[in-house]
């Protein structure tokens, strides 16, 4: 892990306000194939924000609850917030399956943060986490809206869980990108907030909102088979982009032929954490 103070950067003009399209059967692909969060990532968050069993956390853009449920073991309660009802239904199912009883779920988006403040009360939250979701949000407005909510020493953590499978610096990833670009007929360049420019923008915006900013990183290796690569690709599509059910076996075969090799792929996963903490009681 590396931890370093971060200077203010320059804005990148990230586009927000896009229809997410996470619904229907896509949700199960998302839940099954998206990477979870190693315990060391939760350790880093707990250390950065001094989390304890009296604290409350809010996981914004929680999806199917990968980070939400991992945080639940470190705090008194977690509120998972997401704008997609199908994602929340799967998250609730995952919590039930895990026997996790200290998580609540709320249908909402980044623009609903003032309502969360009214619901929970000012200075009541130790951590607002946004995991692999901030590229969908208006982050500058969101960071300012979080300040009344968090306690002294608490704050906001932006967590990105690896570069998209098709944008990595390996032969198999480049082959995957080529296949997908031919299949979709478009260039694939958007890194979903995992790129250095976006990370610098998040750091700048947190500092501008009044947070003290630090960064941390956790690196691990994921060994994937072809099913996991195919599932990871499908999990990143919008629901109306998925190949028809009777065409998915052919899609997987074509993708496997494009990648070649023995059907085993090693992924170097870089988890980047941009953390903003409040060192004193909110001025609001």
C-alpha atoms as a PDB file:
ATOM      1  CA  UNK A   1       0.000   0.000   0.000  1.00  0.00           C
ATOM      2  CA  UNK A   2       1.141   3.543  -0.716  1.00  0.00           C
ATOM      3  CA  UNK A   3      -0.137   6.628   1.042  1.00  0.00           C
ATOM      4  CA  UNK A   4       0.813  10.145   0.015  1.00  0.00           C
ATOM      5  CA  UNK A   5      -0.485  13.665   0.306  1.00  0.00           C
ATOM      6  CA  UNK A   6      -2.045  14.885  -2.901  1.00  0.00           C
ATOM      7  CA  UNK A   7      -1.664  18.361  -4.376  1.00  0.00           C
ATOM      8  CA  UNK A   8      -4.606  20.099  -5.962  1.00  0.00           C
ATOM      9  CA  UNK A   9      -5.009  19.355  -9.647  1.00  0.00           C
ATOM     10  CA  UNK A  10      -7.022  20.733 -12.547  1.00  0.00           C
ATOM     11  CA  UNK A  11     -10.598  19.858 -13.503  1.00  0.00           C
ATOM     12  CA  UNK A  12     -11.191  17.442 -16.355  1.00  0.00           C
ATOM     13  CA  UNK A  13     -14.790  18.272 -17.264  1.00  0.00           C
ATOM     14  CA  UNK A  14     -16.171  14.778 -16.626  1.00  0.00           C
ATOM     15  CA  UNK A  15     -19.624  14.255 -18.133  1.00  0.00           C
ATOM     16  CA  UNK A  16     -22.396  13.165 -15.734  1.00  0.00           C
ATOM     17  CA  UNK A  17     -26.121  12.578 -15.792  1.00  0.00           C
ATOM     18  CA  UNK A  18     -26.138   9.440 -17.984  1.00  0.00           C
ATOM     19  CA  UNK A  19     -28.915   6.815 -17.807  1.00  0.00           C
ATOM     20  CA  UNK A  20     -27.227   3.897 -16.059  1.00  0.00           C
ATOM     21  CA  UNK A  21     -29.213   1.013 -17.526  1.00  0.00           C
ATOM     22  CA  UNK A  22     -28.428  -1.428 -14.669  1.00  0.00           C
ATOM     23  CA  UNK A  23     -31.579  -3.526 -14.557  1.00  0.00           C
ATOM     24  CA  UNK A  24     -32.979  -6.946 -15.284  1.00  0.00           C
ATOM     25  CA  UNK A  25     -30.593  -9.853 -15.832  1.00  0.00           C
ATOM     26  CA  UNK A  26     -27.631  -7.491 -16.124  1.00  0.00           C
ATOM     27  CA  UNK A  27     -27.794  -7.107 -12.347  1.00  0.00           C
ATOM     28  CA  UNK A  28     -26.929 -10.775 -11.810  1.00  0.00           C
ATOM     29  CA  UNK A  29     -23.925 -10.490 -14.139  1.00  0.00           C
ATOM     30  CA  UNK A  30     -22.829  -7.452 -12.138  1.00  0.00           C
ATOM     31  CA  UNK A  31     -23.190  -9.215  -8.820  1.00  0.00           C
ATOM     32  CA  UNK A  32     -21.523 -12.429  -9.898  1.00  0.00           C
ATOM     33  CA  UNK A  33     -18.600 -11.126 -11.937  1.00  0.00           C
ATOM     34  CA  UNK A  34     -17.562  -7.750 -10.538  1.00  0.00           C
ATOM     35  CA  UNK A  35     -14.572  -7.908  -8.217  1.00  0.00           C
ATOM     36  CA  UNK A  36     -15.234  -7.693  -4.505  1.00  0.00           C
ATOM     37  CA  UNK A  37     -12.949  -5.819  -2.108  1.00  0.00           C
ATOM     38  CA  UNK A  38     -10.060  -7.570  -0.339  1.00  0.00           C
ATOM     39  CA  UNK A  39      -9.967  -7.241   3.415  1.00  0.00           C
ATOM     40  CA  UNK A  40      -6.916  -4.983   3.218  1.00  0.00           C
ATOM     41  CA  UNK A  41      -9.001  -2.367   1.377  1.00  0.00           C
ATOM     42  CA  UNK A  42     -11.457  -2.285   4.276  1.00  0.00           C
ATOM     43  CA  UNK A  43      -8.497  -2.105   6.678  1.00  0.00           C
ATOM     44  CA  UNK A  44      -7.209   0.979   4.833  1.00  0.00           C
ATOM     45  CA  UNK A  45     -10.621   2.674   4.960  1.00  0.00           C
ATOM     46  CA  UNK A  46     -11.002   1.854   8.654  1.00  0.00           C
ATOM     47  CA  UNK A  47      -7.589   3.349   9.370  1.00  0.00           C
ATOM     48  CA  UNK A  48      -8.094   6.490   7.263  1.00  0.00           C
ATOM     49  CA  UNK A  49     -11.430   7.372   8.888  1.00  0.00           C
ATOM     50  CA  UNK A  50     -10.997   5.806  12.340  1.00  0.00           C
ATOM     51  CA  UNK A  51     -14.000   3.543  11.868  1.00  0.00           C
ATOM     52  CA  UNK A  52     -15.404   1.799  14.945  1.00  0.00           C
ATOM     53  CA  UNK A  53     -18.481  -0.126  16.023  1.00  0.00           C
ATOM     54  CA  UNK A  54     -20.339   3.083  16.942  1.00  0.00           C
ATOM     55  CA  UNK A  55     -20.072   4.592  13.468  1.00  0.00           C
ATOM     56  CA  UNK A  56     -22.488   4.866  10.555  1.00  0.00           C
ATOM     57  CA  UNK A  57     -21.363   4.712   6.928  1.00  0.00           C
ATOM     58  CA  UNK A  58     -23.151   5.583   3.679  1.00  0.00           C
ATOM     59  CA  UNK A  59     -22.218   3.661   0.528  1.00  0.00           C
ATOM     60  CA  UNK A  60     -23.384   5.799  -2.376  1.00  0.00           C
ATOM     61  CA  UNK A  61     -23.910   4.077  -5.720  1.00  0.00           C
ATOM     62  CA  UNK A  62     -23.778   0.809  -3.806  1.00  0.00           C
ATOM     63  CA  UNK A  63     -24.793  -1.454  -6.699  1.00  0.00           C
ATOM     64  CA  UNK A  64     -25.372  -4.972  -5.424  1.00  0.00           C
ATOM     65  CA  UNK A  65     -23.536  -4.270  -2.181  1.00  0.00           C
ATOM     66  CA  UNK A  66     -19.982  -5.522  -2.679  1.00  0.00           C
ATOM     67  CA  UNK A  67     -18.445  -2.718  -0.619  1.00  0.00           C
ATOM     68  CA  UNK A  68     -21.551  -2.099   1.508  1.00  0.00           C
ATOM     69  CA  UNK A  69     -21.490  -5.567   3.043  1.00  0.00           C
ATOM     70  CA  UNK A  70     -17.720  -5.496   3.513  1.00  0.00           C
ATOM     71  CA  UNK A  71     -18.022  -2.237   5.470  1.00  0.00           C
ATOM     72  CA  UNK A  72     -20.857  -3.593   7.606  1.00  0.00           C
ATOM     73  CA  UNK A  73     -18.454  -5.677   9.669  1.00  0.00           C
ATOM     74  CA  UNK A  74     -16.546  -2.554  10.776  1.00  0.00           C
ATOM     75  CA  UNK A  75     -19.326  -0.150  11.785  1.00  0.00           C
ATOM     76  CA  UNK A  76     -22.635  -0.041  13.645  1.00  0.00           C
ATOM     77  CA  UNK A  77     -24.720   0.450  10.495  1.00  0.00           C
ATOM     78  CA  UNK A  78     -24.401   1.097   6.771  1.00  0.00           C
ATOM     79  CA  UNK A  79     -26.878   2.768   4.431  1.00  0.00           C
ATOM     80  CA  UNK A  80     -26.563   1.571   0.830  1.00  0.00           C
ATOM     81  CA  UNK A  81     -27.900   4.079  -1.698  1.00  0.00           C
ATOM     82  CA  UNK A  82     -28.444   3.399  -5.411  1.00  0.00           C
ATOM     83  CA  UNK A  83     -30.730   4.778  -8.147  1.00  0.00           C
ATOM     84  CA  UNK A  84     -31.483   1.348  -9.634  1.00  0.00           C
ATOM     85  CA  UNK A  85     -34.255  -0.674  -7.907  1.00  0.00           C
ATOM     86  CA  UNK A  86     -33.023  -3.971  -9.362  1.00  0.00           C
ATOM     87  CA  UNK A  87     -29.545  -3.396  -7.945  1.00  0.00           C
ATOM     88  CA  UNK A  88     -30.991  -2.737  -4.498  1.00  0.00           C
ATOM     89  CA  UNK A  89     -33.144  -5.860  -4.655  1.00  0.00           C
ATOM     90  CA  UNK A  90     -30.039  -7.962  -5.381  1.00  0.00           C
ATOM     91  CA  UNK A  91     -28.073  -6.171  -2.666  1.00  0.00           C
ATOM     92  CA  UNK A  92     -30.796  -6.897  -0.119  1.00  0.00           C
ATOM     93  CA  UNK A  93     -30.764 -10.562  -1.183  1.00  0.00           C
ATOM     94  CA  UNK A  94     -26.976 -10.678  -0.767  1.00  0.00           C
ATOM     95  CA  UNK A  95     -27.262  -9.208   2.738  1.00  0.00           C
ATOM     96  CA  UNK A  96     -29.884 -11.792   3.665  1.00  0.00           C
ATOM     97  CA  UNK A  97     -27.730 -14.607   2.278  1.00  0.00           C
ATOM     98  CA  UNK A  98     -24.760 -13.366   4.308  1.00  0.00           C
ATOM     99  CA  UNK A  99     -26.808 -12.899   7.484  1.00  0.00           C
ATOM    100  CA  UNK A 100     -25.860  -9.215   7.604  1.00  0.00           C
ATOM    101  CA  UNK A 101     -28.443  -7.351   9.641  1.00  0.00           C
ATOM    102  CA  UNK A 102     -26.967  -3.873  10.071  1.00  0.00           C
ATOM    103  CA  UNK A 103     -27.466  -2.635   6.492  1.00  0.00           C
ATOM    104  CA  UNK A 104     -30.380  -0.546   5.208  1.00  0.00           C
ATOM    105  CA  UNK A 105     -31.117   0.298   1.586  1.00  0.00           C
ATOM    106  CA  UNK A 106     -32.332   3.534   0.021  1.00  0.00           C
ATOM    107  CA  UNK A 107     -33.388   4.291  -3.556  1.00  0.00           C
ATOM    108  CA  UNK A 108     -31.543   7.477  -4.400  1.00  0.00           C
ATOM    109  CA  UNK A 109     -28.701   9.195  -6.209  1.00  0.00           C
ATOM    110  CA  UNK A 110     -25.903  11.660  -5.508  1.00  0.00           C
ATOM    111  CA  UNK A 111     -28.411  14.503  -5.835  1.00  0.00           C
ATOM    112  CA  UNK A 112     -30.295  13.083  -2.833  1.00  0.00           C
ATOM    113  CA  UNK A 113     -27.441  13.702  -0.388  1.00  0.00           C
ATOM    114  CA  UNK A 114     -29.222  16.697   1.232  1.00  0.00           C
ATOM    115  CA  UNK A 115     -32.133  14.340   1.989  1.00  0.00           C
ATOM    116  CA  UNK A 116     -29.684  11.876   3.575  1.00  0.00           C
ATOM    117  CA  UNK A 117     -28.386  14.696   5.779  1.00  0.00           C
ATOM    118  CA  UNK A 118     -31.942  15.464   6.908  1.00  0.00           C
ATOM    119  CA  UNK A 119     -32.610  11.763   7.494  1.00  0.00           C
ATOM    120  CA  UNK A 120     -29.487  10.912   9.493  1.00  0.00           C
ATOM    121  CA  UNK A 121     -28.617  14.303  10.961  1.00  0.00           C
ATOM    122  CA  UNK A 122     -25.600  16.541  10.646  1.00  0.00           C
ATOM    123  CA  UNK A 123     -22.229  15.177  11.736  1.00  0.00           C
ATOM    124  CA  UNK A 124     -23.660  11.672  12.054  1.00  0.00           C
ATOM    125  CA  UNK A 125     -21.666   9.707   9.460  1.00  0.00           C
ATOM    126  CA  UNK A 126     -18.070   8.539   9.590  1.00  0.00           C
ATOM    127  CA  UNK A 127     -17.701   7.650   5.931  1.00  0.00           C
ATOM    128  CA  UNK A 128     -19.392   8.292   2.608  1.00  0.00           C
ATOM    129  CA  UNK A 129     -17.936   5.764   0.180  1.00  0.00           C
ATOM    130  CA  UNK A 130     -18.336   5.859  -3.590  1.00  0.00           C
ATOM    131  CA  UNK A 131     -16.956   2.665  -5.118  1.00  0.00           C
ATOM    132  CA  UNK A 132     -16.514   2.423  -8.891  1.00  0.00           C
ATOM    133  CA  UNK A 133     -19.475   4.775  -9.348  1.00  0.00           C
ATOM    134  CA  UNK A 134     -18.327   8.388  -9.150  1.00  0.00           C
ATOM    135  CA  UNK A 135     -18.006   8.700 -12.933  1.00  0.00           C
ATOM    136  CA  UNK A 136     -21.843   8.633 -13.016  1.00  0.00           C
ATOM    137  CA  UNK A 137     -22.147  11.552 -10.566  1.00  0.00           C
ATOM    138  CA  UNK A 138     -21.660  15.303 -10.341  1.00  0.00           C
ATOM    139  CA  UNK A 139     -18.748  14.950  -7.997  1.00  0.00           C
ATOM    140  CA  UNK A 140     -18.064  18.611  -7.156  1.00  0.00           C
ATOM    141  CA  UNK A 141     -21.637  19.183  -6.004  1.00  0.00           C
ATOM    142  CA  UNK A 142     -21.639  15.861  -4.182  1.00  0.00           C
ATOM    143  CA  UNK A 143     -18.467  16.540  -2.202  1.00  0.00           C
ATOM    144  CA  UNK A 144     -19.848  19.840  -0.928  1.00  0.00           C
ATOM    145  CA  UNK A 145     -23.155  18.204  -0.016  1.00  0.00           C
ATOM    146  CA  UNK A 146     -21.324  15.577   2.081  1.00  0.00           C
ATOM    147  CA  UNK A 147     -19.673  18.073   4.409  1.00  0.00           C
ATOM    148  CA  UNK A 148     -22.693  18.663   6.703  1.00  0.00           C
ATOM    149  CA  UNK A 149     -23.192  14.905   7.001  1.00  0.00           C
ATOM    150  CA  UNK A 150     -19.777  13.681   8.185  1.00  0.00           C
ATOM    151  CA  UNK A 151     -18.306  13.807  11.655  1.00  0.00           C
ATOM    152  CA  UNK A 152     -14.899  15.279  12.511  1.00  0.00           C
ATOM    153  CA  UNK A 153     -12.249  12.852  11.306  1.00  0.00           C
ATOM    154  CA  UNK A 154     -14.730  11.316   8.894  1.00  0.00           C
ATOM    155  CA  UNK A 155     -15.112  12.032   5.231  1.00  0.00           C
ATOM    156  CA  UNK A 156     -15.439  10.742   1.703  1.00  0.00           C
ATOM    157  CA  UNK A 157     -13.646   7.837   0.019  1.00  0.00           C
ATOM    158  CA  UNK A 158     -13.607   7.371  -3.750  1.00  0.00           C
ATOM    159  CA  UNK A 159     -12.664   3.750  -4.465  1.00  0.00           C
ATOM    160  CA  UNK A 160     -11.900   2.449  -7.961  1.00  0.00           C
ATOM    161  CA  UNK A 161     -11.502  -1.312  -8.172  1.00  0.00           C
ATOM    162  CA  UNK A 162      -9.248  -1.890 -11.162  1.00  0.00           C
ATOM    163  CA  UNK A 163      -9.043  -0.684 -14.752  1.00  0.00           C
ATOM    164  CA  UNK A 164     -11.690  -2.030 -17.161  1.00  0.00           C
ATOM    165  CA  UNK A 165     -10.726  -5.469 -18.463  1.00  0.00           C
ATOM    166  CA  UNK A 166     -10.242  -4.177 -22.009  1.00  0.00           C
ATOM    167  CA  UNK A 167      -7.967  -1.236 -21.110  1.00  0.00           C
ATOM    168  CA  UNK A 168      -5.145  -3.033 -19.322  1.00  0.00           C
ATOM    169  CA  UNK A 169      -1.523  -3.370 -20.384  1.00  0.00           C
ATOM    170  CA  UNK A 170      -1.497  -7.071 -21.258  1.00  0.00           C
ATOM    171  CA  UNK A 171      -1.687  -8.959 -24.531  1.00  0.00           C
ATOM    172  CA  UNK A 172      -5.004 -10.599 -23.611  1.00  0.00           C
ATOM    173  CA  UNK A 173      -6.553  -7.250 -22.654  1.00  0.00           C
ATOM    174  CA  UNK A 174      -5.490  -5.672 -25.934  1.00  0.00           C
ATOM    175  CA  UNK A 175      -6.952  -8.660 -27.788  1.00  0.00           C
ATOM    176  CA  UNK A 176     -10.180  -8.245 -25.811  1.00  0.00           C
ATOM    177  CA  UNK A 177     -10.353  -4.554 -26.681  1.00  0.00           C
ATOM    178  CA  UNK A 178      -9.856  -5.308 -30.366  1.00  0.00           C
ATOM    179  CA  UNK A 179     -12.631  -7.914 -30.319  1.00  0.00           C
ATOM    180  CA  UNK A 180     -15.081  -5.624 -28.513  1.00  0.00           C
ATOM    181  CA  UNK A 181     -14.324  -2.666 -30.766  1.00  0.00           C
ATOM    182  CA  UNK A 182     -15.034  -4.806 -33.838  1.00  0.00           C
ATOM    183  CA  UNK A 183     -18.190  -6.194 -32.249  1.00  0.00           C
ATOM    184  CA  UNK A 184     -19.506  -2.812 -31.087  1.00  0.00           C
ATOM    185  CA  UNK A 185     -18.135  -0.762 -33.974  1.00  0.00           C
ATOM    186  CA  UNK A 186     -16.759   1.925 -31.625  1.00  0.00           C
ATOM    187  CA  UNK A 187     -13.440   2.751 -29.982  1.00  0.00           C
ATOM    188  CA  UNK A 188     -13.296   1.882 -26.285  1.00  0.00           C
ATOM    189  CA  UNK A 189     -11.288   4.466 -24.386  1.00  0.00           C
ATOM    190  CA  UNK A 190     -13.375   5.531 -21.367  1.00  0.00           C
ATOM    191  CA  UNK A 191     -11.741   4.318 -18.152  1.00  0.00           C
ATOM    192  CA  UNK A 192     -14.718   4.877 -15.789  1.00  0.00           C
ATOM    193  CA  UNK A 193     -12.794   7.164 -13.462  1.00  0.00           C
ATOM    194  CA  UNK A 194      -9.832   4.814 -12.994  1.00  0.00           C
ATOM    195  CA  UNK A 195      -7.405   6.891 -15.075  1.00  0.00           C
ATOM    196  CA  UNK A 196      -4.867   9.280 -13.561  1.00  0.00           C
ATOM    197  CA  UNK A 197      -6.572  12.385 -14.935  1.00  0.00           C
ATOM    198  CA  UNK A 198      -9.873  11.499 -13.268  1.00  0.00           C
ATOM    199  CA  UNK A 199      -8.108  10.627 -10.023  1.00  0.00           C
ATOM    200  CA  UNK A 200      -6.382  14.015  -9.994  1.00  0.00           C
ATOM    201  CA  UNK A 201      -9.728  15.710 -10.614  1.00  0.00           C
ATOM    202  CA  UNK A 202     -11.334  13.899  -7.688  1.00  0.00           C
ATOM    203  CA  UNK A 203      -8.414  14.945  -5.481  1.00  0.00           C
ATOM    204  CA  UNK A 204      -8.711  18.565  -6.592  1.00  0.00           C
ATOM    205  CA  UNK A 205     -12.474  18.656  -6.075  1.00  0.00           C
ATOM    206  CA  UNK A 206     -12.277  17.139  -2.583  1.00  0.00           C
ATOM    207  CA  UNK A 207      -9.639  19.687  -1.572  1.00  0.00           C
ATOM    208  CA  UNK A 208     -11.714  22.535  -3.035  1.00  0.00           C
ATOM    209  CA  UNK A 209     -14.710  21.375  -0.982  1.00  0.00           C
ATOM    210  CA  UNK A 210     -12.678  21.676   2.226  1.00  0.00           C
ATOM    211  CA  UNK A 211     -11.398  18.147   2.801  1.00  0.00           C
ATOM    212  CA  UNK A 212      -7.838  17.168   3.635  1.00  0.00           C
ATOM    213  CA  UNK A 213      -6.908  14.755   0.854  1.00  0.00           C
ATOM    214  CA  UNK A 214      -4.741  11.646   0.913  1.00  0.00           C
ATOM    215  CA  UNK A 215      -4.439   8.763  -1.509  1.00  0.00           C
ATOM    216  CA  UNK A 216      -3.882   5.071  -0.947  1.00  0.00           C
ATOM    217  CA  UNK A 217      -3.576   2.058  -3.208  1.00  0.00           C
ATOM    218  CA  UNK A 218      -3.892  -1.697  -2.858  1.00  0.00           C
ATOM    219  CA  UNK A 219      -2.681  -4.055  -5.594  1.00  0.00           C
ATOM    220  CA  UNK A 220      -3.614  -7.698  -5.977  1.00  0.00           C
ATOM    221  CA  UNK A 221      -3.685 -10.397  -8.657  1.00  0.00           C
ATOM    222  CA  UNK A 222      -6.887 -12.003  -9.939  1.00  0.00           C
ATOM    223  CA  UNK A 223      -6.609 -15.221 -11.944  1.00  0.00           C
ATOM    224  CA  UNK A 224      -9.532 -15.352 -14.377  1.00  0.00           C
ATOM    225  CA  UNK A 225     -10.963 -18.040 -16.629  1.00  0.00           C
ATOM    226  CA  UNK A 226     -12.825 -17.367 -19.861  1.00  0.00           C
ATOM    227  CA  UNK A 227     -16.217 -17.455 -18.128  1.00  0.00           C
ATOM    228  CA  UNK A 228     -15.095 -14.700 -15.764  1.00  0.00           C
ATOM    229  CA  UNK A 229     -13.796 -12.548 -18.608  1.00  0.00           C
ATOM    230  CA  UNK A 230     -17.030 -12.976 -20.565  1.00  0.00           C
ATOM    231  CA  UNK A 231     -19.091 -12.277 -17.448  1.00  0.00           C
ATOM    232  CA  UNK A 232     -17.015  -9.201 -16.651  1.00  0.00           C
ATOM    233  CA  UNK A 233     -17.652  -7.865 -20.138  1.00  0.00           C
ATOM    234  CA  UNK A 234     -21.398  -8.541 -19.924  1.00  0.00           C
ATOM    235  CA  UNK A 235     -21.566  -6.886 -16.496  1.00  0.00           C
ATOM    236  CA  UNK A 236     -20.312  -3.626 -18.033  1.00  0.00           C
ATOM    237  CA  UNK A 237     -22.961  -3.424 -20.742  1.00  0.00           C
ATOM    238  CA  UNK A 238     -26.289  -1.677 -20.537  1.00  0.00           C
ATOM    239  CA  UNK A 239     -29.243  -4.022 -20.305  1.00  0.00           C
ATOM    240  CA  UNK A 240     -30.362  -3.373 -23.878  1.00  0.00           C
ATOM    241  CA  UNK A 241     -26.843  -4.067 -25.222  1.00  0.00           C
ATOM    242  CA  UNK A 242     -26.589  -7.626 -23.932  1.00  0.00           C
ATOM    243  CA  UNK A 243     -26.404 -10.332 -26.602  1.00  0.00           C
ATOM    244  CA  UNK A 244     -29.662 -12.277 -26.808  1.00  0.00           C
ATOM    245  CA  UNK A 245     -29.710 -15.330 -24.543  1.00  0.00           C
ATOM    246  CA  UNK A 246     -29.536 -17.723 -27.494  1.00  0.00           C
ATOM    247  CA  UNK A 247     -26.503 -15.867 -28.891  1.00  0.00           C
ATOM    248  CA  UNK A 248     -24.349 -15.744 -25.763  1.00  0.00           C
ATOM    249  CA  UNK A 249     -22.635 -19.088 -26.248  1.00  0.00           C
ATOM    250  CA  UNK A 250     -21.535 -17.977 -29.723  1.00  0.00           C
ATOM    251  CA  UNK A 251     -20.429 -14.618 -28.285  1.00  0.00           C
ATOM    252  CA  UNK A 252     -18.322 -16.399 -25.648  1.00  0.00           C
ATOM    253  CA  UNK A 253     -16.796 -18.724 -28.264  1.00  0.00           C
ATOM    254  CA  UNK A 254     -15.856 -15.825 -30.520  1.00  0.00           C
ATOM    255  CA  UNK A 255     -14.384 -13.899 -27.596  1.00  0.00           C
ATOM    256  CA  UNK A 256     -12.361 -16.941 -26.519  1.00  0.00           C
ATOM    257  CA  UNK A 257     -11.002 -17.415 -30.029  1.00  0.00           C
ATOM    258  CA  UNK A 258      -9.965 -13.758 -30.129  1.00  0.00           C
ATOM    259  CA  UNK A 259      -8.099 -14.065 -26.825  1.00  0.00           C
ATOM    260  CA  UNK A 260      -6.434 -17.375 -27.658  1.00  0.00           C
ATOM    261  CA  UNK A 261      -4.216 -19.143 -25.173  1.00  0.00           C
ATOM    262  CA  UNK A 262      -5.387 -21.726 -22.661  1.00  0.00           C
ATOM    263  CA  UNK A 263      -8.388 -19.812 -21.349  1.00  0.00           C
ATOM    264  CA  UNK A 264      -6.574 -18.564 -18.230  1.00  0.00           C
ATOM    265  CA  UNK A 265      -5.849 -14.877 -17.754  1.00  0.00           C
ATOM    266  CA  UNK A 266      -3.961 -13.008 -15.040  1.00  0.00           C
ATOM    267  CA  UNK A 267      -5.249  -9.572 -14.073  1.00  0.00           C
ATOM    268  CA  UNK A 268      -3.238  -7.077 -12.057  1.00  0.00           C
ATOM    269  CA  UNK A 269      -5.917  -5.222 -10.103  1.00  0.00           C
ATOM    270  CA  UNK A 270      -5.095  -1.745  -8.833  1.00  0.00           C
ATOM    271  CA  UNK A 271      -7.498  -0.462  -6.167  1.00  0.00           C
ATOM    272  CA  UNK A 272      -7.126   3.307  -5.880  1.00  0.00           C
ATOM    273  CA  UNK A 273      -8.546   5.172  -2.907  1.00  0.00           C
ATOM    274  CA  UNK A 274      -8.891   8.954  -2.878  1.00  0.00           C
ATOM    275  CA  UNK A 275      -9.850   9.977   0.654  1.00  0.00           C
ATOM    276  CA  UNK A 276     -10.988  13.342   1.929  1.00  0.00           C
ATOM    277  CA  UNK A 277     -11.233  13.826   5.692  1.00  0.00           C
ATOM    278  CA  UNK A 278     -12.617  16.636   7.838  1.00  0.00           C
ATOM    279  CA  UNK A 279     -10.141  17.536  10.524  1.00  0.00           C
ATOM    280  CA  UNK A 280     -12.531  19.736  12.463  1.00  0.00           C
ATOM    281  CA  UNK A 281     -16.244  20.012  13.119  1.00  0.00           C
ATOM    282  CA  UNK A 282     -18.222  21.101  10.029  1.00  0.00           C
ATOM    283  CA  UNK A 283     -18.613  24.818   9.572  1.00  0.00           C
ATOM    284  CA  UNK A 284     -22.182  24.353   8.272  1.00  0.00           C
END
